[in-house]
Amino acid sequence: MKKADLKILFFDIGGILLTNGWGHESRKEASSKFGLDYDEVNALHNFVFNIYEIGSITLDEYLDVVIFNHPRDFTREDFKEFIYAQSKELPDMLAWLKEWKKDCGFRVISINNEGKELNDYRVEKFKLHLCFDAFISSCEVKMRKPDPGIFKLAMGIAQVSAEQCVYFDDRMMFVNTAQKLGIKAFQHTSFEDTKKTLERLKTDGLNGLV
């Protein structure tokens, strides 16, 4: 295949470029800091978080169910500030990708599961526009991985076939979903491995993956 045959790079965000926005470790830390029953918080979170991620409820509505279902001795704003503070840049990858993107020759699009307030915060805070041409976020498209529909929608928006795409995700379940659709997909396990793959793609296109 010629280099031109590769049109799009799809990327997850949490676990590759940034920490997860509101993962179980953050919920454990919040439970300790704010004096919450972690088991209760986690059970309620699991019940309603998917609904938040597809944009059907707001962050405040999520918090009404999971946190502020009892009187609390802390404010909603304090808790939301804690949630936002859990988003941190992972070492190396984001800064490198921003530079690599400048002359890579490919469009780069995110496919990520994230609630709207967290998604908007992370895009602005970490200047993700510098490495992504578009964002296919669950909160905006009303679908979340591993629904194959979110990948099909992304390819439709980009006007590409599965054979013209490469996808990176830290979770093997989502890598498998993409591969079943015919997308060449890789599990991100380290900065160095993903960097090597991207450099091969830049030099040789899809031939670099053979």
Protein backbone atom coordinates (compact mmCIF):
# COMPACT_ATOMS: atom_id res chain seq x y z
CA MET A 1 0.00 0.00 0.00
CA LYS A 2 1.09 3.56 -0.59
CA LYS A 3 1.52 5.97 2.27
CA ALA A 4 -1.46 7.94 0.95
CA ASP A 5 -3.74 4.96 1.69
CA LEU A 6 -3.58 5.77 5.40
CA LYS A 7 -5.96 8.66 5.97
CA ILE A 8 -6.86 8.81 9.67
CA LEU A 9 -5.33 8.07 13.05
CA PHE A 10 -7.91 7.53 15.77
CA PHE A 11 -6.81 7.90 19.40
CA ASP A 12 -8.28 7.33 22.82
CA ILE A 13 -7.34 10.05 25.35
CA GLY A 14 -7.56 8.69 28.90
CA GLY A 15 -4.78 6.19 29.60
CA ILE A 16 -2.68 7.38 26.65
CA LEU A 17 -2.37 11.17 26.79
CA LEU A 18 -4.05 11.95 30.11
CA THR A 19 -5.06 10.11 33.24
CA ASN A 20 -8.65 8.88 33.28
CA GLY A 21 -11.08 11.66 34.06
CA TRP A 22 -12.91 9.94 36.93
CA GLY A 23 -11.62 6.40 37.43
CA HIS A 24 -12.01 4.06 40.39
CA GLU A 25 -8.74 5.20 41.99
CA SER A 26 -9.99 8.80 41.96
CA ARG A 27 -13.29 7.70 43.49
CA LYS A 28 -11.42 5.87 46.25
CA GLU A 29 -9.34 8.96 46.94
CA ALA A 30 -12.47 11.13 46.97
CA SER A 31 -14.16 8.76 49.41
CA SER A 32 -11.21 9.02 51.77
CA LYS A 33 -10.84 12.79 51.44
CA PHE A 34 -14.54 13.63 51.80
CA GLY A 35 -15.51 10.88 54.25
CA LEU A 36 -17.73 8.90 51.87
CA ASP A 37 -18.73 5.24 51.81
CA TYR A 38 -16.74 4.03 48.81
CA ASP A 39 -18.87 0.94 48.22
CA GLU A 40 -22.02 3.06 48.10
CA VAL A 41 -20.40 5.66 45.86
CA ASN A 42 -19.08 3.00 43.50
CA ALA A 43 -22.39 1.15 43.26
CA LEU A 44 -24.28 4.34 42.44
CA HIS A 45 -21.53 5.44 40.05
CA ASN A 46 -21.73 2.17 38.12
CA PHE A 47 -25.49 2.54 37.89
CA VAL A 48 -25.51 6.03 36.39
CA PHE A 49 -22.10 6.92 34.93
CA ASN A 50 -22.77 5.45 31.49
CA ILE A 51 -25.78 7.74 31.25
CA TYR A 52 -23.55 10.71 32.05
CA GLU A 53 -20.96 9.66 29.47
CA ILE A 54 -23.50 9.62 26.64
CA GLY A 55 -24.65 13.11 27.54
CA SER A 56 -28.11 12.21 28.87
CA ILE A 57 -27.47 13.85 32.25
CA THR A 58 -25.21 16.68 33.40
CA LEU A 59 -22.36 16.42 35.87
CA ASP A 60 -24.58 18.06 38.50
CA GLU A 61 -27.29 15.47 37.90
CA TYR A 62 -24.70 12.69 38.19
CA LEU A 63 -23.52 14.18 41.50
CA ASP A 64 -27.11 14.44 42.76
CA VAL A 65 -27.39 10.66 42.45
CA VAL A 66 -23.93 9.56 43.53
CA ILE A 67 -22.74 12.14 46.09
CA PHE A 68 -25.37 14.64 47.11
CA ASN A 69 -28.05 12.08 47.90
CA HIS A 70 -27.28 12.80 51.58
CA PRO A 71 -26.53 16.06 53.40
CA ARG A 72 -22.79 16.72 53.13
CA ASP A 73 -20.35 18.88 55.04
CA PHE A 74 -18.62 19.99 51.82
CA THR A 75 -19.83 21.99 48.86
CA ARG A 76 -20.66 20.83 45.37
CA GLU A 77 -18.02 23.19 43.96
CA ASP A 78 -15.32 21.73 46.22
CA PHE A 79 -16.17 18.25 45.01
CA LYS A 80 -16.25 19.25 41.35
CA GLU A 81 -12.90 20.98 41.75
CA PHE A 82 -11.53 17.69 43.11
CA ILE A 83 -12.92 15.80 40.11
CA TYR A 84 -11.32 18.17 37.61
CA ALA A 85 -8.01 18.00 39.45
CA GLN A 86 -7.82 14.26 38.78
CA SER A 87 -7.04 14.95 35.11
CA LYS A 88 -3.28 15.05 34.67
CA GLU A 89 -0.98 14.81 31.69
CA LEU A 90 0.79 11.46 31.41
CA PRO A 91 4.57 11.56 30.87
CA ASP A 92 5.91 12.18 27.36
CA MET A 93 3.08 11.20 25.04
CA LEU A 94 0.97 14.36 24.80
CA ALA A 95 3.86 16.79 24.34
CA TRP A 96 5.47 14.51 21.76
CA LEU A 97 2.22 14.00 19.83
CA LYS A 98 1.59 17.74 19.60
CA GLU A 99 4.96 18.17 17.85
CA TRP A 100 4.63 15.03 15.72
CA LYS A 101 1.18 16.11 14.52
CA LYS A 102 2.55 19.30 12.94
CA ASP A 103 4.00 17.50 9.91
CA CYS A 104 2.75 13.91 10.17
CA GLY A 105 0.55 14.26 7.10
CA PHE A 106 -2.45 12.53 8.67
CA ARG A 107 -5.66 13.70 10.25
CA VAL A 108 -5.84 12.71 13.91
CA ILE A 109 -9.22 12.27 15.59
CA SER A 110 -10.08 11.24 19.13
CA ILE A 111 -12.67 8.59 19.96
CA ASN A 112 -13.28 8.77 23.70
CA ASN A 113 -15.82 8.03 26.40
CA GLU A 114 -16.26 11.16 28.51
CA GLY A 115 -19.00 13.21 30.11
CA LYS A 116 -19.42 16.68 28.64
CA GLU A 117 -18.11 18.85 31.47
CA LEU A 118 -15.02 16.69 31.93
CA ASN A 119 -14.49 16.42 28.19
CA ASP A 120 -14.70 20.18 27.66
CA TYR A 121 -12.40 20.83 30.61
CA ARG A 122 -9.75 18.37 29.40
CA VAL A 123 -9.76 19.66 25.82
CA GLU A 124 -9.25 23.24 26.98
CA LYS A 125 -6.94 22.60 29.93
CA PHE A 126 -4.49 20.43 28.01
CA LYS A 127 -4.84 22.18 24.63
CA LEU A 128 -5.89 18.98 22.91
CA HIS A 129 -6.79 20.91 19.75
CA LEU A 130 -3.06 20.96 19.06
CA CYS A 131 -3.04 17.22 18.43
CA PHE A 132 -6.60 16.46 17.28
CA ASP A 133 -8.47 17.66 14.21
CA ALA A 134 -11.82 16.53 15.66
CA PHE A 135 -13.30 14.90 18.75
CA ILE A 136 -15.75 11.99 18.59
CA SER A 137 -16.75 12.11 22.25
CA SER A 138 -19.44 9.88 23.74
CA CYS A 139 -21.18 12.85 25.36
CA GLU A 140 -21.69 14.50 21.96
CA VAL A 141 -22.60 11.49 19.81
CA LYS A 142 -24.76 9.62 22.37
CA MET A 143 -22.76 6.41 21.98
CA ARG A 144 -19.84 5.04 23.93
CA LYS A 145 -17.19 2.43 23.33
CA PRO A 146 -17.38 -0.54 22.95
CA ASP A 147 -20.47 0.21 20.82
CA PRO A 148 -19.25 -0.40 17.24
CA GLY A 149 -21.51 2.47 16.20
CA ILE A 150 -19.13 5.11 17.56
CA PHE A 151 -16.33 3.80 15.32
CA LYS A 152 -18.67 3.63 12.32
CA LEU A 153 -19.79 7.20 12.99
CA ALA A 154 -16.17 8.38 13.24
CA MET A 155 -15.33 6.76 9.90
CA GLY A 156 -18.44 8.27 8.33
CA ILE A 157 -17.57 11.75 9.57
CA ALA A 158 -14.00 11.37 8.30
CA GLN A 159 -15.22 9.77 5.04
CA VAL A 160 -12.77 6.88 5.22
CA SER A 161 -12.96 3.10 5.09
CA ALA A 162 -11.78 0.89 7.95
CA GLU A 163 -8.71 -0.07 5.89
CA GLN A 164 -7.61 3.58 5.85
CA CYS A 165 -7.59 3.94 9.65
CA VAL A 166 -5.32 3.11 12.55
CA TYR A 167 -6.57 3.21 16.14
CA PHE A 168 -4.75 3.37 19.51
CA ASP A 169 -6.36 2.57 22.86
CA ASP A 170 -5.02 1.46 26.23
CA ARG A 171 -7.92 -0.98 26.74
CA MET A 172 -7.78 -4.23 24.82
CA MET A 173 -11.57 -4.55 24.75
CA PHE A 174 -11.83 -1.38 22.66
CA VAL A 175 -8.90 -2.43 20.46
CA ASN A 176 -10.77 -5.68 19.74
CA THR A 177 -13.95 -3.77 18.85
CA ALA A 178 -12.05 -1.67 16.30
CA GLN A 179 -10.27 -4.69 14.86
CA LYS A 180 -13.57 -6.52 14.32
CA LEU A 181 -14.61 -3.61 12.09
CA GLY A 182 -11.45 -3.99 10.01
CA ILE A 183 -9.53 -1.11 11.60
CA LYS A 184 -5.84 -1.72 12.28
CA ALA A 185 -5.78 -1.19 16.04
CA PHE A 186 -3.07 -1.27 18.68
CA GLN A 187 -3.08 -1.41 22.45
CA HIS A 188 -1.05 1.44 23.93
CA THR A 189 1.24 -0.02 26.59
CA SER A 190 4.08 2.50 26.64
CA PHE A 191 5.16 5.80 25.15
CA GLU A 192 8.15 4.22 23.43
CA ASP A 193 6.16 1.47 21.69
CA THR A 194 3.44 3.81 20.46
CA LYS A 195 6.03 6.36 19.36
CA LYS A 196 7.84 3.70 17.28
CA THR A 197 4.59 2.67 15.62
CA LEU A 198 3.68 6.26 14.79
CA GLU A 199 7.13 6.97 13.38
CA ARG A 200 6.81 3.92 11.11
CA LEU A 201 3.41 5.12 9.94
CA LYS A 202 4.80 8.57 9.17
CA THR A 203 7.64 7.11 7.11
CA ASP A 204 5.99 4.16 5.40
CA GLY A 205 2.24 4.47 5.88
CA LEU A 206 0.44 1.17 6.38
CA ASN A 207 3.46 -0.66 4.93
CA GLY A 208 5.25 0.27 8.15
CA LEU A 209 2.93 -2.05 10.04
CA VAL A 210 3.71 -5.14 7.99
